[in-house]
Amino acid sequence: MNTSDIIKPAHRLEAGNGGRERTLSELIISVSGLRGIVGDTLTPEIVARYANAFAAEAPAGTLLVTRDGRDSGQMFSQVVSRALLDVGRDVLDGGIAATPTTGVLIRELNCAGGIQISASHNPAQYNGLKLFSAMGRVISAEEGESVLARFRASSEQVESGLGPVNAIVIDDQESHLDRVAKTIDIQGIRRHCFRVLLDSNHGAGSRLGGRLLDRLGCEIILLGGEPDGQFEHLPEPTAENLRDTCQQVARSDVNVGFCQDPDADRLAVIDQRGNYVGEEYTLALCVEHALRHKPGPIVTNCSTSRMSQDLAEKHGAKFHRSAVGEANVVDKMVSEEAVFGGEGNGGPIDPEVGYVRDSFVGMARILDAMASRQMTVSELVGELPKYAIRKTKVELDRSRFADTFARLQERFPEAQADRLDGLRLDWPDQWALIRSSNTEPIVRIVVEAKTQQAAHGLCDTLRKLVEG
């Protein structure tokens, strides 16, 4: 996401709270979608207005509507479909589907675009909308700005009633599964009869995840297989949130554990011993495997681990960075004709499948690497470049962002400076990204170095300089 707004609704009195005022949570709107707390900032009227703004900017043709498993998804699916139908658009209802599946279906069905109803990794009380172009990818920043401008300009009330919606219902997961399967050696994987634990955490990923692993001849332990949004742990697949899953992997005698976020565009990996490998390694494992089979340009965003750059250089491939945000990564992948790319939040992007972050691509590529090289996950990880990442944030008034970046660049003249997105400083053995938040008056600092001590030291130094 390059730009985003925050809508701060007015205060209101909350019934039953003793008359105290409560500020409504912020509704975050970006060039690729919006998200908020259901019934609080995310209301049917807001959703209908946003859907109408998208419909007005999208090219002529049918629009696809899908949702992840959140319990508010069905209601918002009806709201979105009705809003689109009311302005004369034909609508296909894809039901519960992963975000990368939505991208594949848009292309397979020749749709003019689509809307995925999901709040990605946000907690259960959230939901949101993600906008897709006819390419089956998240809309570009330029397209998103046009939608935002139209949404801001719309002041009239939009009907957002519920009830039956006359949209054509489809249920097609196979086209996505087939695309993923074509990128790997299915028989080679099947010969190993891998035992896999998949934690879909009651998100949309279970619908295709189990079928993919079954086609690959895996013995499956499926956690959270019902896509009903009743998350058993916080949905972002971080080490802290997956402690119980790691323990279950350790005692289940499996070859690998895979963990998806609710809309299944992100994947975290747990090795055979129950160690959290993490999301940064998801992309690196996939890049290494992809380059062994098809050398070519690689793209990641500027906050992703340097592992992928090192791997590209190892294989003699060109490496490119984009600004933070899936849309920016995809823009760069298209322009550079990249063979693979993605983001370090566990989001591999394989152009042969689609220009969307895809947890199923990650699972398939990692299993293929395990089978073809006859190595465990921990052995594959052990071959990757070794780095330590440290992240923090500092409150800073927006008016000071530009001066702060300039001051930091002057403070480290020996570092290679890049202003692609905020300020990135590169040294031979470490790098730092100091980037202003699009949604809060803060600066985010990401540092990667060869050791935890070096990463912590540089991060603390930068934090003090920003605060000072």
Protein backbone atom coordinates (compact mmCIF):
# COMPACT_ATOMS: atom_id res chain seq x y z
CA MET A 1 0.00 0.00 0.00
CA ASN A 2 1.43 3.32 -1.01
CA THR A 3 -1.16 5.70 0.37
CA SER A 4 -4.03 5.38 2.75
CA ASP A 5 -6.50 7.44 4.67
CA ILE A 6 -7.90 7.05 8.14
CA ILE A 7 -11.55 7.92 8.65
CA LYS A 8 -12.14 8.95 12.24
CA PRO A 9 -15.88 8.95 12.92
CA ALA A 10 -17.37 11.36 15.41
CA HIS A 11 -17.81 10.46 19.07
CA ARG A 12 -21.05 8.85 20.12
CA LEU A 13 -22.64 7.74 23.35
CA GLU A 14 -22.48 4.02 23.89
CA ALA A 15 -25.63 2.46 25.41
CA GLY A 16 -25.10 0.80 28.75
CA ASN A 17 -21.68 2.31 29.47
CA GLY A 18 -22.74 4.86 32.03
CA GLY A 19 -22.98 7.65 29.48
CA ARG A 20 -19.24 7.80 28.80
CA GLU A 21 -18.14 8.79 25.32
CA ARG A 22 -16.18 6.30 23.27
CA THR A 23 -14.20 7.19 20.14
CA LEU A 24 -14.97 4.80 17.32
CA SER A 25 -12.02 2.81 15.99
CA GLU A 26 -10.38 4.11 12.85
CA LEU A 27 -11.42 2.84 9.44
CA ILE A 28 -8.29 2.35 7.36
CA ILE A 29 -8.72 2.98 3.64
CA SER A 30 -5.88 2.40 1.20
CA VAL A 31 -5.45 2.35 -2.56
CA SER A 32 -6.07 -1.41 -2.59
CA GLY A 33 -8.98 -1.68 -0.16
CA LEU A 34 -10.30 -0.91 3.28
CA ARG A 35 -10.77 -2.57 6.64
CA GLY A 36 -12.37 -1.79 9.97
CA ILE A 37 -14.30 -3.18 12.90
CA VAL A 38 -17.63 -4.67 11.88
CA GLY A 39 -20.61 -2.64 13.09
CA ASP A 40 -18.31 0.07 14.37
CA THR A 41 -16.45 1.76 11.54
CA LEU A 42 -17.17 -0.87 8.90
CA THR A 43 -20.87 -0.57 8.14
CA PRO A 44 -23.02 -1.81 5.25
CA GLU A 45 -23.44 1.78 4.02
CA ILE A 46 -19.65 2.37 3.90
CA VAL A 47 -19.10 -0.97 2.16
CA ALA A 48 -21.80 -0.25 -0.43
CA ARG A 49 -20.37 3.20 -1.19
CA TYR A 50 -16.88 1.76 -1.62
CA ALA A 51 -18.16 -1.04 -3.87
CA ASN A 52 -19.98 1.53 -6.01
CA ALA A 53 -16.84 3.65 -6.31
CA PHE A 54 -14.91 0.59 -7.49
CA ALA A 55 -17.64 -0.38 -9.97
CA ALA A 56 -17.61 3.11 -11.47
CA GLU A 57 -13.85 2.93 -12.09
CA ALA A 58 -13.64 -0.70 -13.23
CA PRO A 59 -13.88 -1.51 -16.96
CA ALA A 60 -17.08 -2.93 -18.42
CA GLY A 61 -17.74 -6.57 -17.64
CA THR A 62 -18.64 -9.01 -14.89
CA LEU A 63 -17.28 -8.54 -11.37
CA LEU A 64 -16.41 -11.40 -9.00
CA VAL A 65 -17.21 -11.26 -5.28
CA THR A 66 -15.55 -13.67 -2.81
CA ARG A 67 -14.96 -13.79 0.94
CA ASP A 68 -12.82 -15.46 3.55
CA GLY A 69 -14.45 -17.41 6.38
CA ARG A 70 -15.25 -14.57 8.80
CA ASP A 71 -18.80 -14.76 10.13
CA SER A 72 -19.58 -11.24 8.87
CA GLY A 73 -18.46 -12.18 5.36
CA GLN A 74 -21.79 -13.47 4.14
CA MET A 75 -23.57 -10.27 5.14
CA PHE A 76 -21.00 -8.06 3.43
CA SER A 77 -21.01 -10.31 0.37
CA GLN A 78 -24.74 -9.60 0.02
CA VAL A 79 -24.14 -5.88 0.51
CA VAL A 80 -21.38 -5.75 -2.10
CA SER A 81 -23.26 -7.88 -4.63
CA ARG A 82 -26.44 -5.83 -4.26
CA ALA A 83 -24.52 -2.56 -4.62
CA LEU A 84 -22.87 -3.80 -7.81
CA LEU A 85 -26.11 -5.15 -9.26
CA ASP A 86 -27.91 -1.90 -8.46
CA VAL A 87 -25.49 0.03 -10.69
CA GLY A 88 -25.96 -2.41 -13.55
CA ARG A 89 -22.98 -4.72 -13.10
CA ASP A 90 -23.18 -8.49 -13.61
CA VAL A 91 -21.93 -10.32 -10.53
CA LEU A 92 -20.43 -13.75 -9.91
CA ASP A 93 -20.54 -14.97 -6.31
CA GLY A 94 -17.51 -17.15 -5.61
CA GLY A 95 -18.44 -17.79 -1.99
CA ILE A 96 -15.62 -18.62 0.43
CA ALA A 97 -12.29 -18.50 -1.37
CA ALA A 98 -8.69 -17.65 -0.60
CA THR A 99 -7.43 -14.32 -1.89
CA PRO A 100 -5.05 -15.94 -4.42
CA THR A 101 -7.93 -18.13 -5.63
CA THR A 102 -9.90 -14.96 -6.30
CA GLY A 103 -7.09 -13.70 -8.51
CA VAL A 104 -7.00 -16.94 -10.50
CA LEU A 105 -10.78 -17.02 -10.94
CA ILE A 106 -10.93 -13.45 -12.25
CA ARG A 107 -8.59 -14.45 -15.06
CA GLU A 108 -10.20 -17.85 -15.69
CA LEU A 109 -13.69 -16.33 -15.91
CA ASN A 110 -12.62 -13.22 -17.87
CA CYS A 111 -13.99 -10.86 -15.23
CA ALA A 112 -13.42 -7.13 -15.33
CA GLY A 113 -12.25 -7.23 -11.71
CA GLY A 114 -13.30 -8.43 -8.32
CA ILE A 115 -13.75 -7.74 -4.62
CA GLN A 116 -12.44 -10.06 -1.93
CA ILE A 117 -14.13 -9.54 1.44
CA SER A 118 -11.41 -10.07 4.02
CA ALA A 119 -9.48 -8.27 6.73
CA SER A 120 -6.42 -10.44 6.03
CA HIS A 121 -4.52 -11.05 9.29
CA ASN A 122 -6.58 -8.68 11.45
CA PRO A 123 -8.45 -10.08 14.47
CA ALA A 124 -11.95 -11.57 14.27
CA GLN A 125 -13.87 -8.33 14.90
CA TYR A 126 -12.47 -6.85 11.67
CA ASN A 127 -13.46 -7.27 8.06
CA GLY A 128 -12.67 -5.40 4.88
CA LEU A 129 -12.55 -5.26 1.10
CA LYS A 130 -9.63 -5.92 -1.24
CA LEU A 131 -9.92 -4.76 -4.85
CA PHE A 132 -8.74 -6.71 -7.90
CA SER A 133 -8.18 -5.73 -11.52
CA ALA A 134 -8.93 -7.78 -14.62
CA MET A 135 -5.34 -9.09 -14.43
CA GLY A 136 -6.35 -11.00 -11.32
CA ARG A 137 -4.05 -8.88 -9.14
CA VAL A 138 -4.56 -6.25 -6.49
CA ILE A 139 -5.28 -2.98 -8.30
CA SER A 140 -2.38 -0.63 -8.89
CA ALA A 141 -1.80 2.52 -6.86
CA GLU A 142 -2.97 4.67 -9.77
CA GLU A 143 -6.22 2.71 -10.13
CA GLY A 144 -6.69 2.75 -6.37
CA GLU A 145 -6.30 6.52 -6.17
CA SER A 146 -9.14 6.89 -8.68
CA VAL A 147 -11.39 4.69 -6.56
CA LEU A 148 -10.44 6.63 -3.44
CA ALA A 149 -11.18 9.97 -5.09
CA ARG A 150 -14.61 8.76 -6.20
CA PHE A 151 -15.34 7.32 -2.75
CA ARG A 152 -14.37 10.57 -1.03
CA ALA A 153 -16.55 12.52 -3.42
CA SER A 154 -19.62 10.35 -2.82
CA SER A 155 -21.78 11.96 -0.17
CA GLU A 156 -25.22 10.58 -0.94
CA GLN A 157 -26.60 7.66 1.03
CA VAL A 158 -26.37 4.29 -0.70
CA GLU A 159 -28.95 1.58 -0.21
CA SER A 160 -27.40 -1.33 1.64
CA GLY A 161 -30.31 -3.62 2.39
CA LEU A 162 -29.90 -7.34 2.96
CA GLY A 163 -31.76 -10.29 1.56
CA PRO A 164 -31.55 -12.57 -1.47
CA VAL A 165 -29.21 -11.35 -4.19
CA ASN A 166 -29.61 -12.42 -7.80
CA ALA A 167 -25.93 -13.16 -8.50
CA ILE A 168 -24.62 -16.22 -10.32
CA VAL A 169 -23.01 -18.58 -7.80
CA ILE A 170 -19.82 -20.42 -8.73
CA ASP A 171 -17.63 -22.84 -6.80
CA ASP A 172 -14.36 -23.45 -8.58
CA GLN A 173 -11.18 -24.21 -6.63
CA GLU A 174 -9.75 -26.63 -9.20
CA SER A 175 -8.41 -24.03 -11.61
CA HIS A 176 -6.19 -22.59 -8.88
CA LEU A 177 -5.13 -26.07 -7.76
CA ASP A 178 -4.24 -27.03 -11.34
CA ARG A 179 -2.10 -23.92 -11.81
CA VAL A 180 -0.12 -24.64 -8.64
CA ALA A 181 0.28 -28.31 -9.53
CA LYS A 182 1.83 -27.47 -12.92
CA THR A 183 4.77 -25.71 -11.22
CA ILE A 184 6.03 -28.76 -9.30
CA ASP A 185 6.90 -32.46 -9.67
CA ILE A 186 3.76 -34.06 -8.26
CA GLN A 187 4.96 -37.64 -8.59
CA GLY A 188 8.28 -36.80 -6.98
CA ILE A 189 6.47 -35.40 -3.95
CA ARG A 190 3.99 -38.28 -3.81
CA ARG A 191 6.82 -40.82 -3.58
CA HIS A 192 7.85 -39.36 -0.21
CA CYS A 193 4.39 -39.61 1.41
CA PHE A 194 5.08 -36.54 3.53
CA ARG A 195 3.21 -36.13 6.78
CA VAL A 196 2.05 -32.50 6.98
CA LEU A 197 0.27 -30.45 9.64
CA LEU A 198 -1.75 -27.60 8.12
CA ASP A 199 -3.11 -24.92 10.44
CA SER A 200 -5.72 -22.98 8.46
CA ASN A 201 -7.14 -21.51 11.69
CA HIS A 202 -10.74 -21.59 10.39
CA GLY A 203 -9.87 -19.35 7.45
CA ALA A 204 -10.44 -19.72 3.73
CA GLY A 205 -7.19 -21.62 3.19
CA SER A 206 -8.58 -24.93 4.36
CA ARG A 207 -10.81 -25.29 1.28
CA LEU A 208 -7.90 -25.60 -1.13
CA GLY A 209 -5.10 -26.47 1.30
CA GLY A 210 -6.38 -29.93 2.13
CA ARG A 211 -7.07 -30.71 -1.52
CA LEU A 212 -3.61 -29.60 -2.59
CA LEU A 213 -1.87 -31.72 0.05
CA ASP A 214 -4.09 -34.68 -0.80
CA ARG A 215 -3.18 -34.40 -4.49
CA LEU A 216 0.48 -34.38 -3.44
CA GLY A 217 0.02 -37.68 -1.59
CA CYS A 218 0.52 -36.19 1.86
CA GLU A 219 -0.87 -37.53 5.12
CA ILE A 220 -2.64 -34.49 6.54
CA ILE A 221 -3.32 -33.23 10.04
CA LEU A 222 -5.68 -30.31 9.47
CA LEU A 223 -6.29 -27.74 12.21
CA GLY A 224 -9.12 -25.23 11.87
CA GLY A 225 -10.49 -26.89 8.78
CA GLU A 226 -13.96 -25.34 8.94
CA PRO A 227 -13.79 -21.87 7.28
CA ASP A 228 -16.13 -20.20 9.77
CA GLY A 229 -13.84 -17.48 11.14
CA GLN A 230 -13.83 -18.94 14.66
CA PHE A 231 -10.08 -18.44 15.05
CA GLU A 232 -8.40 -20.67 17.63
CA HIS A 233 -5.48 -18.26 17.94
CA LEU A 234 -4.80 -14.71 16.78
CA PRO A 235 -4.84 -14.87 12.99
CA GLU A 236 -1.50 -13.32 12.07
CA PRO A 237 0.92 -16.28 11.68
CA THR A 238 3.67 -14.98 13.96
CA ALA A 239 5.87 -16.99 16.33
CA GLU A 240 3.96 -15.74 19.39
CA ASN A 241 0.55 -16.63 17.93
CA LEU A 242 1.67 -20.08 16.79
CA ARG A 243 3.21 -21.40 20.00
CA ASP A 244 0.55 -24.07 20.47
CA THR A 245 0.79 -25.08 16.81
CA CYS A 246 4.57 -25.44 17.11
CA GLN A 247 4.09 -27.72 20.11
CA GLN A 248 1.59 -29.82 18.20
CA VAL A 249 3.99 -30.16 15.28
CA ALA A 250 6.75 -31.27 17.65
CA ARG A 251 4.64 -34.07 19.13
CA SER A 252 2.90 -35.16 15.92
CA ASP A 253 5.86 -36.70 14.05
CA VAL A 254 5.30 -34.64 10.89
CA ASN A 255 7.75 -33.54 8.22
CA VAL A 256 6.59 -29.93 8.17
CA GLY A 257 3.98 -27.58 9.58
CA PHE A 258 2.27 -24.94 7.43
CA CYS A 259 0.26 -22.05 8.89
CA GLN A 260 -1.97 -19.71 6.88
CA ASP A 261 -3.57 -16.37 7.66
CA PRO A 262 -7.39 -16.08 7.22
CA ASP A 263 -7.37 -15.28 3.48
CA ALA A 264 -4.43 -17.63 2.79
CA ASP A 265 -2.13 -15.21 0.99
CA ARG A 266 0.52 -15.59 3.72
CA LEU A 267 2.33 -18.71 4.92
CA ALA A 268 4.50 -19.39 7.95
CA VAL A 269 6.58 -22.56 8.22
CA ILE A 270 7.38 -24.81 11.20
CA ASP A 271 10.15 -27.38 10.83
CA GLN A 272 9.95 -31.06 11.71
CA ARG A 273 11.14 -30.40 15.27
CA GLY A 274 8.44 -27.83 15.96
CA ASN A 275 10.70 -24.80 15.50
CA TYR A 276 9.04 -21.71 14.04
CA VAL A 277 10.92 -21.03 10.83
CA GLY A 278 8.95 -17.91 10.14
CA GLU A 279 7.50 -15.86 7.32
CA GLU A 280 10.72 -14.28 6.01
CA TYR A 281 12.04 -17.77 5.30
CA THR A 282 8.92 -18.74 3.36
CA LEU A 283 9.87 -16.46 0.48
CA ALA A 284 13.58 -17.30 0.66
CA LEU A 285 12.90 -21.05 0.50
CA CYS A 286 10.66 -20.52 -2.53
CA VAL A 287 13.14 -18.21 -4.29
CA GLU A 288 15.97 -20.70 -3.85
CA HIS A 289 13.86 -23.52 -5.26
CA ALA A 290 12.47 -21.42 -8.11
CA LEU A 291 15.92 -20.25 -9.24
CA ARG A 292 17.22 -23.82 -9.33
CA HIS A 293 14.59 -24.62 -11.95
CA LYS A 294 14.10 -21.36 -13.85
CA PRO A 295 16.75 -18.63 -13.54
CA GLY A 296 15.52 -15.09 -14.00
CA PRO A 297 14.81 -11.78 -12.27
CA ILE A 298 13.61 -11.73 -8.65
CA VAL A 299 11.61 -8.94 -6.97
CA THR A 300 10.93 -8.25 -3.29
CA ASN A 301 9.92 -5.11 -1.46
CA CYS A 302 12.45 -2.93 0.34
CA SER A 303 11.52 -4.20 3.83
CA THR A 304 12.07 -7.88 2.99
CA SER A 305 15.11 -9.84 4.18
CA ARG A 306 18.29 -9.65 2.13
CA MET A 307 18.21 -13.44 1.83
CA SER A 308 16.42 -13.26 -1.52
CA GLN A 309 18.96 -10.79 -2.90
CA ASP A 310 21.82 -13.06 -1.82
CA LEU A 311 20.12 -16.05 -3.43
CA ALA A 312 19.58 -14.15 -6.69
CA GLU A 313 23.26 -13.19 -6.78
CA LYS A 314 24.25 -16.79 -6.00
CA HIS A 315 22.31 -18.00 -9.04
CA GLY A 316 23.45 -15.16 -11.29
CA ALA A 317 19.95 -13.65 -11.45
CA LYS A 318 19.00 -9.98 -11.47
CA PHE A 319 17.46 -8.66 -8.27
CA HIS A 320 15.04 -5.73 -7.96
CA ARG A 321 13.35 -3.97 -5.04
CA SER A 322 9.99 -2.25 -4.96
CA ALA A 323 8.29 0.01 -2.48
CA VAL A 324 6.37 -1.72 0.31
CA GLY A 325 3.00 -3.15 -0.71
CA GLU A 326 1.84 -6.06 -2.82
CA ALA A 327 0.71 -3.81 -5.68
CA ASN A 328 4.18 -2.28 -5.90
CA VAL A 329 5.88 -5.67 -5.90
CA VAL A 330 3.59 -6.86 -8.71
CA ASP A 331 4.18 -3.68 -10.75
CA LYS A 332 7.94 -4.31 -10.54
CA MET A 333 7.57 -8.01 -11.32
CA VAL A 334 5.59 -7.25 -14.45
CA SER A 335 7.97 -4.54 -15.67
CA GLU A 336 11.08 -6.67 -15.04
CA GLU A 337 9.49 -9.94 -16.25
CA ALA A 338 10.40 -11.57 -12.94
CA VAL A 339 10.27 -15.34 -12.57
CA PHE A 340 9.41 -15.04 -8.88
CA GLY A 341 8.83 -12.46 -6.20
CA GLY A 342 6.97 -11.61 -3.06
CA GLU A 343 7.08 -10.06 0.38
CA GLY A 344 8.82 -11.17 3.55
CA ASN A 345 5.53 -11.47 5.41
CA GLY A 346 5.16 -15.01 4.06
CA GLY A 347 3.80 -13.95 0.68
CA PRO A 348 5.42 -15.69 -2.33
CA ILE A 349 4.21 -14.61 -5.76
CA ASP A 350 4.59 -16.99 -8.71
CA PRO A 351 3.64 -15.47 -12.10
CA GLU A 352 2.92 -18.95 -13.44
CA VAL A 353 0.04 -19.18 -10.95
CA GLY A 354 -0.98 -15.53 -10.58
CA TYR A 355 0.21 -12.12 -9.48
CA VAL A 356 -1.08 -12.52 -5.91
CA ARG A 357 0.68 -13.57 -2.71
CA ASP A 358 -0.12 -17.25 -2.39
CA SER A 359 0.29 -19.64 0.56
CA PHE A 360 -0.47 -22.63 -1.69
CA VAL A 361 2.47 -21.73 -3.92
CA GLY A 362 4.60 -21.65 -0.78
CA MET A 363 3.48 -25.09 0.40
CA ALA A 364 3.93 -26.67 -3.01
CA ARG A 365 7.36 -25.16 -3.64
CA ILE A 366 8.70 -26.14 -0.20
CA LEU A 367 7.43 -29.72 -0.49
CA ASP A 368 8.92 -29.92 -3.98
CA ALA A 369 12.28 -28.73 -2.61
CA MET A 370 12.14 -31.28 0.22
CA ALA A 371 11.39 -34.07 -2.25
CA SER A 372 13.77 -33.17 -5.06
CA ARG A 373 16.72 -32.50 -2.77
CA GLN A 374 15.77 -35.17 -0.21
CA MET A 375 16.27 -32.72 2.63
CA THR A 376 14.28 -31.77 5.73
CA VAL A 377 12.93 -28.27 6.24
CA SER A 378 15.62 -27.53 8.82
CA GLU A 379 18.31 -28.66 6.37
CA LEU A 380 16.90 -26.43 3.62
CA VAL A 381 16.78 -23.50 6.03
CA GLY A 382 20.33 -24.26 7.15
CA GLU A 383 21.59 -23.59 3.62
CA LEU A 384 20.07 -20.10 3.46
CA PRO A 385 22.02 -16.91 4.25
CA LYS A 386 21.91 -16.05 7.96
CA TYR A 387 20.51 -12.72 9.14
CA ALA A 388 18.79 -11.30 12.20
CA ILE A 389 15.95 -8.79 11.93
CA ARG A 390 14.94 -6.17 14.47
CA LYS A 391 11.90 -3.90 14.18
CA THR A 392 10.60 -0.98 16.20
CA LYS A 393 8.54 2.19 15.77
CA VAL A 394 8.78 5.76 17.02
CA GLU A 395 6.02 8.32 17.38
CA LEU A 396 6.82 11.29 15.18
CA ASP A 397 4.78 14.21 13.90
CA ARG A 398 4.20 13.95 10.16
CA SER A 399 5.67 17.39 9.59
CA ARG A 400 9.06 16.08 10.75
CA PHE A 401 9.26 13.02 8.47
CA ALA A 402 11.20 14.64 5.59
CA ASP A 403 13.73 16.44 7.81
CA THR A 404 14.30 13.28 9.85
CA PHE A 405 15.10 11.21 6.76
CA ALA A 406 17.50 13.86 5.46
CA ARG A 407 19.26 14.07 8.83
CA LEU A 408 19.70 10.28 9.02
CA GLN A 409 21.10 10.14 5.51
CA GLU A 410 23.69 12.79 6.44
CA ARG A 411 24.52 10.91 9.65
CA PHE A 412 25.53 7.76 7.72
CA PRO A 413 27.39 8.97 4.59
CA GLU A 414 29.17 5.60 4.21
CA ALA A 415 25.86 3.79 3.66
CA GLN A 416 24.22 3.50 0.25
CA ALA A 417 21.02 5.53 0.54
CA ASP A 418 17.78 4.84 -1.31
CA ARG A 419 14.61 6.98 -1.14
CA LEU A 420 12.35 4.52 -2.96
CA ASP A 421 10.12 4.22 0.12
CA GLY A 422 11.15 6.27 3.11
CA LEU A 423 14.91 5.94 3.61
CA ARG A 424 16.84 2.70 3.16
CA LEU A 425 20.50 2.56 4.21
CA ASP A 426 22.66 -0.30 2.98
CA TRP A 427 26.03 -1.44 4.29
CA PRO A 428 27.94 -4.55 3.14
CA ASP A 429 26.74 -6.63 6.11
CA GLN A 430 23.52 -4.90 7.22
CA TRP A 431 20.72 -2.56 6.15
CA ALA A 432 18.04 -0.40 7.67
CA LEU A 433 14.69 0.93 6.45
CA ILE A 434 13.21 4.00 8.12
CA ARG A 435 9.73 4.48 6.74
CA SER A 436 6.79 6.65 7.71
CA SER A 437 3.51 4.90 8.38
CA ASN A 438 0.67 5.63 5.98
CA THR A 439 -1.90 5.26 8.72
CA GLU A 440 -0.30 6.60 11.92
CA PRO A 441 2.02 9.48 12.97
CA ILE A 442 4.90 7.06 13.48
CA VAL A 443 8.14 6.03 11.82
CA ARG A 444 8.79 2.29 11.44
CA ILE A 445 12.37 1.08 11.65
CA VAL A 446 13.48 -2.26 10.25
CA VAL A 447 17.08 -3.42 10.62
CA GLU A 448 18.73 -6.59 9.36
CA ALA A 449 22.28 -7.62 10.25
CA LYS A 450 24.42 -10.72 10.52
CA THR A 451 23.87 -11.08 14.28
CA GLN A 452 21.13 -10.25 16.76
CA GLN A 453 23.55 -8.02 18.65
CA ALA A 454 24.36 -5.97 15.57
CA ALA A 455 20.70 -5.70 14.57
CA HIS A 456 19.65 -4.58 18.06
CA GLY A 457 22.52 -2.09 18.24
CA LEU A 458 21.77 -0.39 14.93
CA CYS A 459 18.03 -0.38 15.61
CA ASP A 460 18.51 1.28 19.00
CA THR A 461 20.88 3.86 17.48
CA LEU A 462 18.38 4.76 14.78
CA ARG A 463 15.52 4.94 17.27
CA LYS A 464 17.43 7.41 19.44
CA LEU A 465 18.34 9.52 16.41
CA VAL A 466 14.72 9.65 15.28
CA GLU A 467 13.51 10.54 18.77
CA GLY A 468 16.20 13.24 19.12
